[in-house]
Amino acid sequence: MNKLKKLRENREISQSQLASIIGVSQKTVSAWEVGRRNPKPRELQKLEDVFGVAKEEIFFNLFSYKM
């Protein structure tokens, strides 16, 4: 689905901590990790900045287009 949970756990950041950094709720981070919700563009950019990983790599399914 996405790599967010793995990145977050590798950095030893809780969902609550990440939520605080990004400016969303812990429930929102949880929803991103399980694929129930997608981050908004500004949230994607903040995640990219926090982890130093391209947003396309974190949320591949958002950027996979079928031709």
PDB file of N, CA and C in Angstrom:
ATOM      1  N   MET A   1       0.826  -1.192   0.000  1.00  0.00           N
ATOM      2  CA  MET A   1       0.000   0.000   0.000  1.00  0.00           C
ATOM      3  C   MET A   1       0.870   1.256   0.000  1.00  0.00           C
ATOM      4  N   ASN A   2       1.602   1.496   1.080  1.00  0.00           N
ATOM      5  CA  ASN A   2       2.557   2.603   1.114  1.00  0.00           C
ATOM      6  C   ASN A   2       3.639   2.291   2.139  1.00  0.00           C
ATOM      7  N   LYS A   3       4.673   3.097   2.125  1.00  0.00           N
ATOM      8  CA  LYS A   3       5.825   2.832   2.989  1.00  0.00           C
ATOM      9  C   LYS A   3       5.836   3.702   4.237  1.00  0.00           C
ATOM     10  N   LEU A   4       4.797   4.458   4.455  1.00  0.00           N
ATOM     11  CA  LEU A   4       4.801   5.417   5.545  1.00  0.00           C
ATOM     12  C   LEU A   4       5.046   4.764   6.902  1.00  0.00           C
ATOM     13  N   LYS A   5       4.337   3.703   7.201  1.00  0.00           N
ATOM     14  CA  LYS A   5       4.484   3.050   8.501  1.00  0.00           C
ATOM     15  C   LYS A   5       5.915   2.560   8.705  1.00  0.00           C
ATOM     16  N   LYS A   6       6.489   1.943   7.695  1.00  0.00           N
ATOM     17  CA  LYS A   6       7.857   1.432   7.802  1.00  0.00           C
ATOM     18  C   LYS A   6       8.848   2.582   8.033  1.00  0.00           C
ATOM     19  N   LEU A   7       8.702   3.669   7.273  1.00  0.00           N
ATOM     20  CA  LEU A   7       9.575   4.829   7.458  1.00  0.00           C
ATOM     21  C   LEU A   7       9.433   5.395   8.868  1.00  0.00           C
ATOM     22  N   ARG A   8       8.202   5.508   9.320  1.00  0.00           N
ATOM     23  CA  ARG A   8       7.931   6.074  10.640  1.00  0.00           C
ATOM     24  C   ARG A   8       8.541   5.202  11.734  1.00  0.00           C
ATOM     25  N   GLU A   9       8.330   3.902  11.640  1.00  0.00           N
ATOM     26  CA  GLU A   9       8.859   2.990  12.653  1.00  0.00           C
ATOM     27  C   GLU A   9      10.385   2.937  12.619  1.00  0.00           C
ATOM     28  N   ASN A  10      10.978   3.000  11.432  1.00  0.00           N
ATOM     29  CA  ASN A  10      12.445   3.001  11.334  1.00  0.00           C
ATOM     30  C   ASN A  10      13.047   4.227  12.016  1.00  0.00           C
ATOM     31  N   ARG A  11      12.336   5.327  12.002  1.00  0.00           N
ATOM     32  CA  ARG A  11      12.806   6.555  12.659  1.00  0.00           C
ATOM     33  C   ARG A  11      12.373   6.621  14.124  1.00  0.00           C
ATOM     34  N   GLU A  12      11.655   5.591  14.563  1.00  0.00           N
ATOM     35  CA  GLU A  12      11.144   5.517  15.935  1.00  0.00           C
ATOM     36  C   GLU A  12      10.290   6.739  16.289  1.00  0.00           C
ATOM     37  N   ILE A  13       9.386   7.063  15.363  1.00  0.00           N
ATOM     38  CA  ILE A  13       8.439   8.162  15.547  1.00  0.00           C
ATOM     39  C   ILE A  13       7.052   7.547  15.712  1.00  0.00           C
ATOM     40  N   SER A  14       6.320   7.967  16.712  1.00  0.00           N
ATOM     41  CA  SER A  14       4.955   7.466  16.900  1.00  0.00           C
ATOM     42  C   SER A  14       4.014   8.162  15.913  1.00  0.00           C
ATOM     43  N   GLN A  15       2.846   7.581  15.749  1.00  0.00           N
ATOM     44  CA  GLN A  15       1.841   8.227  14.912  1.00  0.00           C
ATOM     45  C   GLN A  15       1.508   9.611  15.454  1.00  0.00           C
ATOM     46  N   SER A  16       1.407   9.726  16.760  1.00  0.00           N
ATOM     47  CA  SER A  16       1.094  11.016  17.382  1.00  0.00           C
ATOM     48  C   SER A  16       2.184  12.042  17.123  1.00  0.00           C
ATOM     49  N   GLN A  17       3.439  11.617  17.225  1.00  0.00           N
ATOM     50  CA  GLN A  17       4.550  12.540  16.968  1.00  0.00           C
ATOM     51  C   GLN A  17       4.549  13.011  15.519  1.00  0.00           C
ATOM     52  N   LEU A  18       4.357  12.080  14.595  1.00  0.00           N
ATOM     53  CA  LEU A  18       4.320  12.445  13.182  1.00  0.00           C
ATOM     54  C   LEU A  18       3.142  13.377  12.904  1.00  0.00           C
ATOM     55  N   ALA A  19       2.014  13.072  13.498  1.00  0.00           N
ATOM     56  CA  ALA A  19       0.838  13.921  13.319  1.00  0.00           C
ATOM     57  C   ALA A  19       1.126  15.350  13.763  1.00  0.00           C
ATOM     58  N   SER A  20       1.800  15.490  14.879  1.00  0.00           N
ATOM     59  CA  SER A  20       2.141  16.810  15.397  1.00  0.00           C
ATOM     60  C   SER A  20       3.076  17.555  14.435  1.00  0.00           C
ATOM     61  N   ILE A  21       4.038  16.857  13.890  1.00  0.00           N
ATOM     62  CA  ILE A  21       4.988  17.456  12.950  1.00  0.00           C
ATOM     63  C   ILE A  21       4.276  17.933  11.687  1.00  0.00           C
ATOM     64  N   ILE A  22       3.369  17.110  11.182  1.00  0.00           N
ATOM     65  CA  ILE A  22       2.684  17.402   9.926  1.00  0.00           C
ATOM     66  C   ILE A  22       1.526  18.385  10.123  1.00  0.00           C
ATOM     67  N   GLY A  23       0.941  18.384  11.321  1.00  0.00           N
ATOM     68  CA  GLY A  23      -0.185  19.266  11.594  1.00  0.00           C
ATOM     69  C   GLY A  23      -1.532  18.627  11.330  1.00  0.00           C
ATOM     70  N   VAL A  24      -1.608  17.316  11.590  1.00  0.00           N
ATOM     71  CA  VAL A  24      -2.860  16.572  11.438  1.00  0.00           C
ATOM     72  C   VAL A  24      -3.093  15.766  12.711  1.00  0.00           C
ATOM     73  N   SER A  25      -4.191  15.025  12.764  1.00  0.00           N
ATOM     74  CA  SER A  25      -4.474  14.191  13.931  1.00  0.00           C
ATOM     75  C   SER A  25      -3.792  12.827  13.791  1.00  0.00           C
ATOM     76  N   GLN A  26      -3.663  12.135  14.918  1.00  0.00           N
ATOM     77  CA  GLN A  26      -3.101  10.783  14.913  1.00  0.00           C
ATOM     78  C   GLN A  26      -3.977   9.857  14.079  1.00  0.00           C
ATOM     79  N   LYS A  27      -5.288  10.059  14.132  1.00  0.00           N
ATOM     80  CA  LYS A  27      -6.213   9.230  13.350  1.00  0.00           C
ATOM     81  C   LYS A  27      -5.973   9.399  11.852  1.00  0.00           C
ATOM     82  N   THR A  28      -5.599  10.594  11.450  1.00  0.00           N
ATOM     83  CA  THR A  28      -5.305  10.844  10.035  1.00  0.00           C
ATOM     84  C   THR A  28      -4.070  10.069   9.606  1.00  0.00           C
ATOM     85  N   VAL A  29      -3.020  10.087  10.416  1.00  0.00           N
ATOM     86  CA  VAL A  29      -1.809   9.322  10.100  1.00  0.00           C
ATOM     87  C   VAL A  29      -2.143   7.837  10.010  1.00  0.00           C
ATOM     88  N   SER A  30      -2.937   7.337  10.934  1.00  0.00           N
ATOM     89  CA  SER A  30      -3.349   5.939  10.903  1.00  0.00           C
ATOM     90  C   SER A  30      -4.094   5.622   9.608  1.00  0.00           C
ATOM     91  N   ALA A  31      -4.991   6.501   9.205  1.00  0.00           N
ATOM     92  CA  ALA A  31      -5.764   6.295   7.972  1.00  0.00           C
ATOM     93  C   ALA A  31      -4.856   6.288   6.745  1.00  0.00           C
ATOM     94  N   TRP A  32      -3.830   7.125   6.742  1.00  0.00           N
ATOM     95  CA  TRP A  32      -2.863   7.115   5.629  1.00  0.00           C
ATOM     96  C   TRP A  32      -2.139   5.782   5.569  1.00  0.00           C
ATOM     97  N   GLU A  33      -1.728   5.291   6.728  1.00  0.00           N
ATOM     98  CA  GLU A  33      -0.937   4.058   6.766  1.00  0.00           C
ATOM     99  C   GLU A  33      -1.712   2.840   6.286  1.00  0.00           C
ATOM    100  N   VAL A  34      -2.999   2.811   6.502  1.00  0.00           N
ATOM    101  CA  VAL A  34      -3.792   1.659   6.067  1.00  0.00           C
ATOM    102  C   VAL A  34      -4.500   1.899   4.737  1.00  0.00           C
ATOM    103  N   GLY A  35      -4.335   3.092   4.174  1.00  0.00           N
ATOM    104  CA  GLY A  35      -4.904   3.368   2.858  1.00  0.00           C
ATOM    105  C   GLY A  35      -6.351   3.811   2.844  1.00  0.00           C
ATOM    106  N   ARG A  36      -6.877   4.203   4.002  1.00  0.00           N
ATOM    107  CA  ARG A  36      -8.265   4.691   4.038  1.00  0.00           C
ATOM    108  C   ARG A  36      -8.379   6.129   3.548  1.00  0.00           C
ATOM    109  N   ARG A  37      -7.302   6.891   3.706  1.00  0.00           N
ATOM    110  CA  ARG A  37      -7.279   8.291   3.270  1.00  0.00           C
ATOM    111  C   ARG A  37      -5.955   8.575   2.598  1.00  0.00           C
ATOM    112  N   ASN A  38      -5.953   9.600   1.785  1.00  0.00           N
ATOM    113  CA  ASN A  38      -4.730  10.048   1.132  1.00  0.00           C
ATOM    114  C   ASN A  38      -4.375  11.445   1.626  1.00  0.00           C
ATOM    115  N   PRO A  39      -3.099  11.702   1.790  1.00  0.00           N
ATOM    116  CA  PRO A  39      -2.688  13.036   2.225  1.00  0.00           C
ATOM    117  C   PRO A  39      -2.955  14.077   1.150  1.00  0.00           C
ATOM    118  N   LYS A  40      -3.198  15.294   1.602  1.00  0.00           N
ATOM    119  CA  LYS A  40      -3.346  16.429   0.693  1.00  0.00           C
ATOM    120  C   LYS A  40      -1.954  16.811   0.189  1.00  0.00           C
ATOM    121  N   PRO A  41      -1.870  17.550  -0.911  1.00  0.00           N
ATOM    122  CA  PRO A  41      -0.553  17.908  -1.470  1.00  0.00           C
ATOM    123  C   PRO A  41       0.400  18.555  -0.467  1.00  0.00           C
ATOM    124  N   ARG A  42      -0.070  19.466   0.351  1.00  0.00           N
ATOM    125  CA  ARG A  42       0.837  20.111   1.318  1.00  0.00           C
ATOM    126  C   ARG A  42       1.316  19.117   2.380  1.00  0.00           C
ATOM    127  N   GLU A  43       0.459  18.144   2.724  1.00  0.00           N
ATOM    128  CA  GLU A  43       0.848  17.107   3.685  1.00  0.00           C
ATOM    129  C   GLU A  43       1.866  16.156   3.059  1.00  0.00           C
ATOM    130  N   LEU A  44       1.672  15.842   1.770  1.00  0.00           N
ATOM    131  CA  LEU A  44       2.644  15.010   1.062  1.00  0.00           C
ATOM    132  C   LEU A  44       4.018  15.665   1.075  1.00  0.00           C
ATOM    133  N   GLN A  45       4.052  16.974   0.845  1.00  0.00           N
ATOM    134  CA  GLN A  45       5.332  17.674   0.824  1.00  0.00           C
ATOM    135  C   GLN A  45       5.995  17.649   2.205  1.00  0.00           C
ATOM    136  N   LYS A  46       5.203  17.807   3.256  1.00  0.00           N
ATOM    137  CA  LYS A  46       5.759  17.763   4.612  1.00  0.00           C
ATOM    138  C   LYS A  46       6.316  16.370   4.916  1.00  0.00           C
ATOM    139  N   LEU A  47       5.614  15.327   4.484  1.00  0.00           N
ATOM    140  CA  LEU A  47       6.105  13.963   4.696  1.00  0.00           C
ATOM    141  C   LEU A  47       7.416  13.739   3.950  1.00  0.00           C
ATOM    142  N   GLU A  48       7.495  14.250   2.739  1.00  0.00           N
ATOM    143  CA  GLU A  48       8.728  14.137   1.965  1.00  0.00           C
ATOM    144  C   GLU A  48       9.876  14.845   2.684  1.00  0.00           C
ATOM    145  N   ASP A  49       9.591  16.023   3.229  1.00  0.00           N
ATOM    146  CA  ASP A  49      10.615  16.781   3.949  1.00  0.00           C
ATOM    147  C   ASP A  49      11.067  16.064   5.219  1.00  0.00           C
ATOM    148  N   VAL A  50      10.122  15.490   5.957  1.00  0.00           N
ATOM    149  CA  VAL A  50      10.437  14.806   7.215  1.00  0.00           C
ATOM    150  C   VAL A  50      11.309  13.580   6.977  1.00  0.00           C
ATOM    151  N   PHE A  51      10.954  12.778   5.977  1.00  0.00           N
ATOM    152  CA  PHE A  51      11.632  11.502   5.771  1.00  0.00           C
ATOM    153  C   PHE A  51      12.740  11.550   4.723  1.00  0.00           C
ATOM    154  N   GLY A  52      12.806  12.621   3.937  1.00  0.00           N
ATOM    155  CA  GLY A  52      13.827  12.701   2.900  1.00  0.00           C
ATOM    156  C   GLY A  52      13.640  11.666   1.811  1.00  0.00           C
ATOM    157  N   VAL A  53      12.399  11.271   1.596  1.00  0.00           N
ATOM    158  CA  VAL A  53      12.044  10.267   0.592  1.00  0.00           C
ATOM    159  C   VAL A  53      10.957  10.881  -0.292  1.00  0.00           C
ATOM    160  N   ALA A  54      11.076  10.668  -1.594  1.00  0.00           N
ATOM    161  CA  ALA A  54      10.095  11.225  -2.524  1.00  0.00           C
ATOM    162  C   ALA A  54       8.684  10.760  -2.171  1.00  0.00           C
ATOM    163  N   LYS A  55       7.747  11.692  -2.231  1.00  0.00           N
ATOM    164  CA  LYS A  55       6.350  11.366  -1.916  1.00  0.00           C
ATOM    165  C   LYS A  55       5.826  10.255  -2.813  1.00  0.00           C
ATOM    166  N   GLU A  56       6.304  10.204  -4.060  1.00  0.00           N
ATOM    167  CA  GLU A  56       5.876   9.144  -4.974  1.00  0.00           C
ATOM    168  C   GLU A  56       6.308   7.770  -4.474  1.00  0.00           C
ATOM    169  N   GLU A  57       7.425   7.717  -3.799  1.00  0.00           N
ATOM    170  CA  GLU A  57       7.915   6.444  -3.258  1.00  0.00           C
ATOM    171  C   GLU A  57       7.125   6.038  -2.011  1.00  0.00           C
ATOM    172  N   ILE A  58       6.767   7.018  -1.185  1.00  0.00           N
ATOM    173  CA  ILE A  58       6.021   6.716   0.042  1.00  0.00           C
ATOM    174  C   ILE A  58       4.611   6.236  -0.301  1.00  0.00           C
ATOM    175  N   PHE A  59       3.970   6.928  -1.219  1.00  0.00           N
ATOM    176  CA  PHE A  59       2.578   6.629  -1.577  1.00  0.00           C
ATOM    177  C   PHE A  59       2.477   6.252  -3.043  1.00  0.00           C
ATOM    178  N   PHE A  60       3.173   5.187  -3.423  1.00  0.00           N
ATOM    179  CA  PHE A  60       3.217   4.752  -4.817  1.00  0.00           C
ATOM    180  C   PHE A  60       1.825   4.643  -5.432  1.00  0.00           C
ATOM    181  N   ASN A  61       0.868   4.136  -4.651  1.00  0.00           N
ATOM    182  CA  ASN A  61      -0.470   3.907  -5.202  1.00  0.00           C
ATOM    183  C   ASN A  61      -1.162   5.201  -5.622  1.00  0.00           C
ATOM    184  N   LEU A  62      -0.791   6.344  -5.057  1.00  0.00           N
ATOM    185  CA  LEU A  62      -1.385   7.617  -5.458  1.00  0.00           C
ATOM    186  C   LEU A  62      -0.898   8.058  -6.831  1.00  0.00           C
ATOM    187  N   PHE A  63       0.288   7.580  -7.207  1.00  0.00           N
ATOM    188  CA  PHE A  63       0.914   8.052  -8.432  1.00  0.00           C
ATOM    189  C   PHE A  63       1.024   6.970  -9.500  1.00  0.00           C
ATOM    190  N   SER A  64       0.373   5.832  -9.327  1.00  0.00           N
ATOM    191  CA  SER A  64       0.401   4.756 -10.326  1.00  0.00           C
ATOM    192  C   SER A  64      -0.814   4.923 -11.218  1.00  0.00           C
ATOM    193  N   TYR A  65      -0.557   5.294 -12.408  1.00  0.00           N
ATOM    194  CA  TYR A  65      -1.648   5.514 -13.353  1.00  0.00           C
ATOM    195  C   TYR A  65      -1.710   4.366 -14.328  1.00  0.00           C
ATOM    196  N   LYS A  66      -2.928   3.920 -14.583  1.00  0.00           N
ATOM    197  CA  LYS A  66      -3.124   2.862 -15.570  1.00  0.00           C
ATOM    198  C   LYS A  66      -3.404   3.522 -16.906  1.00  0.00           C
ATOM    199  N   MET A  67      -2.718   3.056 -17.909  1.00  0.00           N
ATOM    200  CA  MET A  67      -2.896   3.620 -19.251  1.00  0.00           C
ATOM    201  C   MET A  67      -3.895   2.796 -20.021  1.00  0.00           C
TER     202      MET A  67
END
